[in-house]
Amino acid sequence: MNTRSVGLLRNALAILRSIDRDDLDQAGFVPTDAQWIAFRDDPYSFYLRATADRQAAIFNIIKARMHSR
């Protein structure tokens, strides 16, 4: 098992869980109230069902946080 890869995945998932509405707004995805609630309550499922442009916005938030460490 590659512990580095496991650690990167764990960090990405933790970051996804910690994204707030302001982060999404700044990334160019301004969610409706219903979208925000869906993301807040289950960001993992929301990400998997999101359009490619929304996935890209969320991914860029994660990437920026991972590279800032």
Protein backbone atom coordinates (compact mmCIF):
# COMPACT_ATOMS: atom_id res chain seq x y z
CA MET A 1 0.00 0.00 0.00
CA ASN A 2 1.25 3.44 -0.90
CA THR A 3 0.83 5.46 2.29
CA ARG A 4 1.53 8.73 0.48
CA SER A 5 -1.42 8.16 -1.86
CA VAL A 6 -3.64 7.18 1.06
CA GLY A 7 -2.63 10.36 2.86
CA LEU A 8 -3.34 12.53 -0.18
CA LEU A 9 -6.77 11.00 -0.62
CA ARG A 10 -7.55 11.44 3.06
CA ASN A 11 -6.51 15.11 2.89
CA ALA A 12 -8.58 15.73 -0.24
CA LEU A 13 -11.66 14.21 1.39
CA ALA A 14 -11.12 16.24 4.56
CA ILE A 15 -10.76 19.43 2.54
CA LEU A 16 -13.90 18.62 0.54
CA ARG A 17 -15.79 18.26 3.81
CA SER A 18 -14.48 21.62 5.09
CA ILE A 19 -15.38 23.77 2.07
CA ASP A 20 -17.83 26.52 2.97
CA ARG A 21 -20.21 28.56 0.86
CA ASP A 22 -17.81 31.50 0.55
CA ASP A 23 -15.18 29.17 -0.91
CA LEU A 24 -17.63 28.01 -3.56
CA ASP A 25 -18.62 31.60 -4.36
CA GLN A 26 -14.97 32.63 -4.75
CA ALA A 27 -14.31 29.63 -6.99
CA GLY A 28 -17.02 30.75 -9.39
CA PHE A 29 -19.77 28.38 -8.33
CA VAL A 30 -22.48 30.41 -6.61
CA PRO A 31 -24.89 27.77 -5.31
CA THR A 32 -28.57 28.31 -4.72
CA ASP A 33 -29.75 27.75 -1.15
CA ALA A 34 -30.89 24.24 -2.08
CA GLN A 35 -27.54 23.45 -3.75
CA TRP A 36 -25.64 24.73 -0.73
CA ILE A 37 -27.69 22.60 1.65
CA ALA A 38 -27.12 19.53 -0.54
CA PHE A 39 -23.37 20.23 -0.67
CA ARG A 40 -23.12 21.01 3.04
CA ASP A 41 -25.00 17.87 4.04
CA ASP A 42 -23.18 15.45 1.70
CA PRO A 43 -20.29 17.02 -0.23
CA TYR A 44 -19.09 13.65 -1.51
CA SER A 45 -22.34 12.74 -3.26
CA PHE A 46 -22.80 16.32 -4.43
CA TYR A 47 -19.36 16.29 -6.06
CA LEU A 48 -19.98 12.98 -7.83
CA ARG A 49 -23.29 14.22 -9.26
CA ALA A 50 -22.11 17.74 -10.12
CA THR A 51 -21.54 19.01 -13.62
CA ALA A 52 -17.99 19.03 -14.93
CA ASP A 53 -17.61 22.80 -14.42
CA ARG A 54 -18.78 22.57 -10.81
CA GLN A 55 -16.49 19.61 -10.18
CA ALA A 56 -13.62 21.67 -11.59
CA ALA A 57 -14.42 24.61 -9.29
CA ILE A 58 -14.51 22.31 -6.25
CA PHE A 59 -11.35 20.51 -7.36
CA ASN A 60 -9.53 23.83 -7.68
CA ILE A 61 -10.42 24.69 -4.07
CA ILE A 62 -9.05 21.34 -2.92
CA LYS A 63 -5.91 21.68 -5.04
CA ALA A 64 -5.20 25.19 -3.76
CA ARG A 65 -5.50 24.08 -0.13
CA MET A 66 -3.34 21.01 -0.65
CA HIS A 67 -0.59 23.09 -2.26
CA SER A 68 -0.70 25.73 0.45
CA ARG A 69 0.58 23.25 3.04
